[in-house]
C-alpha atoms as a PDB file:
ATOM      1  CA  MET A   1      54.179  10.741 -49.227  1.00  0.00           C
ATOM      2  CA  ILE A   2      52.238   7.685 -50.395  1.00  0.00           C
ATOM      3  CA  THR A   3      48.897   6.186 -49.463  1.00  0.00           C
ATOM      4  CA  GLU A   4      48.351   2.516 -48.708  1.00  0.00           C
ATOM      5  CA  ILE A   5      44.842   1.281 -49.475  1.00  0.00           C
ATOM      6  CA  ALA A   6      44.105  -2.176 -48.097  1.00  0.00           C
ATOM      7  CA  THR A   7      40.818  -3.845 -48.976  1.00  0.00           C
ATOM      8  CA  LEU A   8      39.781  -5.999 -46.033  1.00  0.00           C
ATOM      9  CA  THR A   9      36.986  -8.559 -46.223  1.00  0.00           C
ATOM     10  CA  ILE A  10      35.232  -9.712 -43.056  1.00  0.00           C
ATOM     11  CA  ASP A  11      32.016 -11.395 -41.969  1.00  0.00           C
ATOM     12  CA  PRO A  12      29.653  -8.404 -41.684  1.00  0.00           C
ATOM     13  CA  ALA A  13      27.978 -10.026 -38.663  1.00  0.00           C
ATOM     14  CA  ARG A  14      31.254  -9.360 -36.798  1.00  0.00           C
ATOM     15  CA  ALA A  15      31.591  -5.719 -37.903  1.00  0.00           C
ATOM     16  CA  ALA A  16      31.395  -4.198 -34.415  1.00  0.00           C
ATOM     17  CA  GLU A  17      34.065  -6.580 -33.090  1.00  0.00           C
ATOM     18  CA  PHE A  18      36.281  -5.925 -36.097  1.00  0.00           C
ATOM     19  CA  GLU A  19      35.957  -2.149 -35.820  1.00  0.00           C
ATOM     20  CA  ALA A  20      36.834  -2.337 -32.114  1.00  0.00           C
ATOM     21  CA  ALA A  21      39.909  -4.451 -32.918  1.00  0.00           C
ATOM     22  CA  VAL A  22      41.080  -1.928 -35.532  1.00  0.00           C
ATOM     23  CA  ALA A  23      40.532   0.946 -33.098  1.00  0.00           C
ATOM     24  CA  HIS A  24      42.637  -0.891 -30.539  1.00  0.00           C
ATOM     25  CA  ALA A  25      45.340  -1.631 -33.115  1.00  0.00           C
ATOM     26  CA  ALA A  26      45.534   1.990 -34.317  1.00  0.00           C
ATOM     27  CA  SER A  27      48.271   2.692 -31.764  1.00  0.00           C
ATOM     28  CA  HIS A  28      50.614   0.353 -33.665  1.00  0.00           C
ATOM     29  CA  PHE A  29      50.254   2.539 -36.747  1.00  0.00           C
ATOM     30  CA  ARG A  30      50.482   5.768 -34.721  1.00  0.00           C
ATOM     31  CA  ASP A  31      53.787   4.568 -33.267  1.00  0.00           C
ATOM     32  CA  ALA A  32      55.191   3.318 -36.597  1.00  0.00           C
ATOM     33  CA  ALA A  33      58.085   5.190 -38.163  1.00  0.00           C
ATOM     34  CA  GLY A  34      56.964   7.060 -41.257  1.00  0.00           C
ATOM     35  CA  CYS A  35      53.212   6.721 -40.610  1.00  0.00           C
ATOM     36  CA  HIS A  36      51.198   9.942 -40.862  1.00  0.00           C
ATOM     37  CA  GLY A  37      47.583   8.861 -40.544  1.00  0.00           C
ATOM     38  CA  MET A  38      45.132   5.993 -40.663  1.00  0.00           C
ATOM     39  CA  LEU A  39      41.486   5.791 -41.701  1.00  0.00           C
ATOM     40  CA  LEU A  40      39.037   2.903 -41.801  1.00  0.00           C
ATOM     41  CA  THR A  41      36.104   3.131 -44.215  1.00  0.00           C
ATOM     42  CA  ARG A  42      33.315   0.655 -44.926  1.00  0.00           C
ATOM     43  CA  VAL A  43      31.976   0.009 -48.409  1.00  0.00           C
ATOM     44  CA  ILE A  44      28.313   0.993 -48.418  1.00  0.00           C
ATOM     45  CA  GLU A  45      27.339  -1.331 -51.274  1.00  0.00           C
ATOM     46  CA  ASN A  46      29.035  -4.329 -49.643  1.00  0.00           C
ATOM     47  CA  PRO A  47      29.232  -4.228 -45.819  1.00  0.00           C
ATOM     48  CA  ALA A  48      31.734  -7.097 -45.786  1.00  0.00           C
ATOM     49  CA  LEU A  49      34.370  -4.797 -47.341  1.00  0.00           C
ATOM     50  CA  TYR A  50      36.458  -2.191 -45.584  1.00  0.00           C
ATOM     51  CA  HIS A  51      39.288   0.008 -46.786  1.00  0.00           C
ATOM     52  CA  LEU A  52      42.167   0.691 -44.442  1.00  0.00           C
ATOM     53  CA  ILE A  53      43.820   3.875 -45.702  1.00  0.00           C
ATOM     54  CA  VAL A  54      47.238   4.719 -44.288  1.00  0.00           C
ATOM     55  CA  ARG A  55      49.599   7.567 -45.197  1.00  0.00           C
ATOM     56  CA  TRP A  56      53.310   6.697 -45.195  1.00  0.00           C
ATOM     57  CA  ASP A  57      56.536   8.509 -46.010  1.00  0.00           C
ATOM     58  CA  SER A  58      57.326   5.798 -48.564  1.00  0.00           C
ATOM     59  CA  VAL A  59      56.403   2.310 -49.741  1.00  0.00           C
ATOM     60  CA  GLU A  60      59.548   1.078 -47.956  1.00  0.00           C
ATOM     61  CA  GLN A  61      58.349   2.524 -44.626  1.00  0.00           C
ATOM     62  CA  HIS A  62      55.212   0.434 -45.015  1.00  0.00           C
ATOM     63  CA  MET A  63      56.434  -2.727 -46.721  1.00  0.00           C
ATOM     64  CA  VAL A  64      59.790  -3.098 -44.961  1.00  0.00           C
ATOM     65  CA  THR A  65      60.011  -1.034 -41.775  1.00  0.00           C
ATOM     66  CA  PHE A  66      56.431  -1.557 -40.571  1.00  0.00           C
ATOM     67  CA  ARG A  67      55.925  -5.070 -41.921  1.00  0.00           C
ATOM     68  CA  GLU A  68      59.029  -6.274 -40.076  1.00  0.00           C
ATOM     69  CA  SER A  69      57.971  -4.652 -36.797  1.00  0.00           C
ATOM     70  CA  LEU A  70      56.322  -5.995 -33.663  1.00  0.00           C
ATOM     71  CA  GLY A  71      53.553  -3.461 -34.303  1.00  0.00           C
ATOM     72  CA  PHE A  72      52.646  -5.152 -37.587  1.00  0.00           C
ATOM     73  CA  ARG A  73      52.538  -8.555 -35.906  1.00  0.00           C
ATOM     74  CA  ALA A  74      50.288  -7.159 -33.183  1.00  0.00           C
ATOM     75  CA  TRP A  75      48.026  -5.535 -35.819  1.00  0.00           C
ATOM     76  CA  ARG A  76      47.643  -8.857 -37.635  1.00  0.00           C
ATOM     77  CA  GLU A  77      46.992 -10.703 -34.367  1.00  0.00           C
ATOM     78  CA  GLN A  78      44.217  -8.260 -33.496  1.00  0.00           C
ATOM     79  CA  ALA A  79      42.571  -7.737 -36.898  1.00  0.00           C
ATOM     80  CA  GLY A  80      43.649 -10.830 -38.834  1.00  0.00           C
ATOM     81  CA  PRO A  81      41.211 -13.280 -37.227  1.00  0.00           C
ATOM     82  CA  PHE A  82      38.328 -11.282 -38.760  1.00  0.00           C
ATOM     83  CA  PHE A  83      39.599 -11.530 -42.366  1.00  0.00           C
ATOM     84  CA  THR A  84      37.605 -13.935 -44.532  1.00  0.00           C
ATOM     85  CA  ALA A  85      39.926 -13.344 -47.511  1.00  0.00           C
ATOM     86  CA  ALA A  86      43.505 -12.213 -47.855  1.00  0.00           C
ATOM     87  CA  PRO A  87      43.818  -8.400 -47.775  1.00  0.00           C
ATOM     88  CA  VAL A  88      44.471  -6.725 -51.121  1.00  0.00           C
ATOM     89  CA  VAL A  89      46.976  -3.874 -50.730  1.00  0.00           C
ATOM     90  CA  ILE A  90      47.908  -1.155 -53.198  1.00  0.00           C
ATOM     91  CA  HIS A  91      49.974   2.015 -52.869  1.00  0.00           C
ATOM     92  CA  THR A  92      49.047   5.305 -54.514  1.00  0.00           C
ATOM     93  CA  GLY A  93      50.769   8.631 -55.000  1.00  0.00           C
ATOM     94  CA  LEU A  94      48.946  11.933 -55.313  1.00  0.00           C
ATOM     95  CA  VAL A  95      48.916  13.306 -58.845  1.00  0.00           C
ATOM     96  CA  ALA A  96      46.809  16.413 -58.207  1.00  0.00           C
ATOM     97  CA  ALA A  97      44.319  17.794 -55.725  1.00  0.00           C
ATOM     98  CA  TYR A  98      41.573  19.723 -57.494  1.00  0.00           C
ATOM     99  CA  PHE A  99      39.157  20.255 -54.644  1.00  0.00           C
ATOM    100  CA  HIS A 100      39.089  19.458 -50.945  1.00  0.00           C
ATOM    101  CA  ASP A 101      36.461  20.546 -48.453  1.00  0.00           C
END
């Protein structure tokens, strides 16, 4: 299992519209092969920044299977117009879990 963390930059004046678009687009992730969860967080210190956090079976499930799907195109059509900079995407793997509430 890996975690995709995408940093998304938007115009904070359009935050409510953006959040509604992501909520609508969540079904594309829910239906994607190898996707196990999706979170959207907003950076408190900079309200123009969000992190889209998605759990995948593998980097390939995200970067190949999902990115080549109609669901990805629909996601970008819905959320993409809000981006004021290109998303920055990284993938992480869990090393250890020391505490979780």
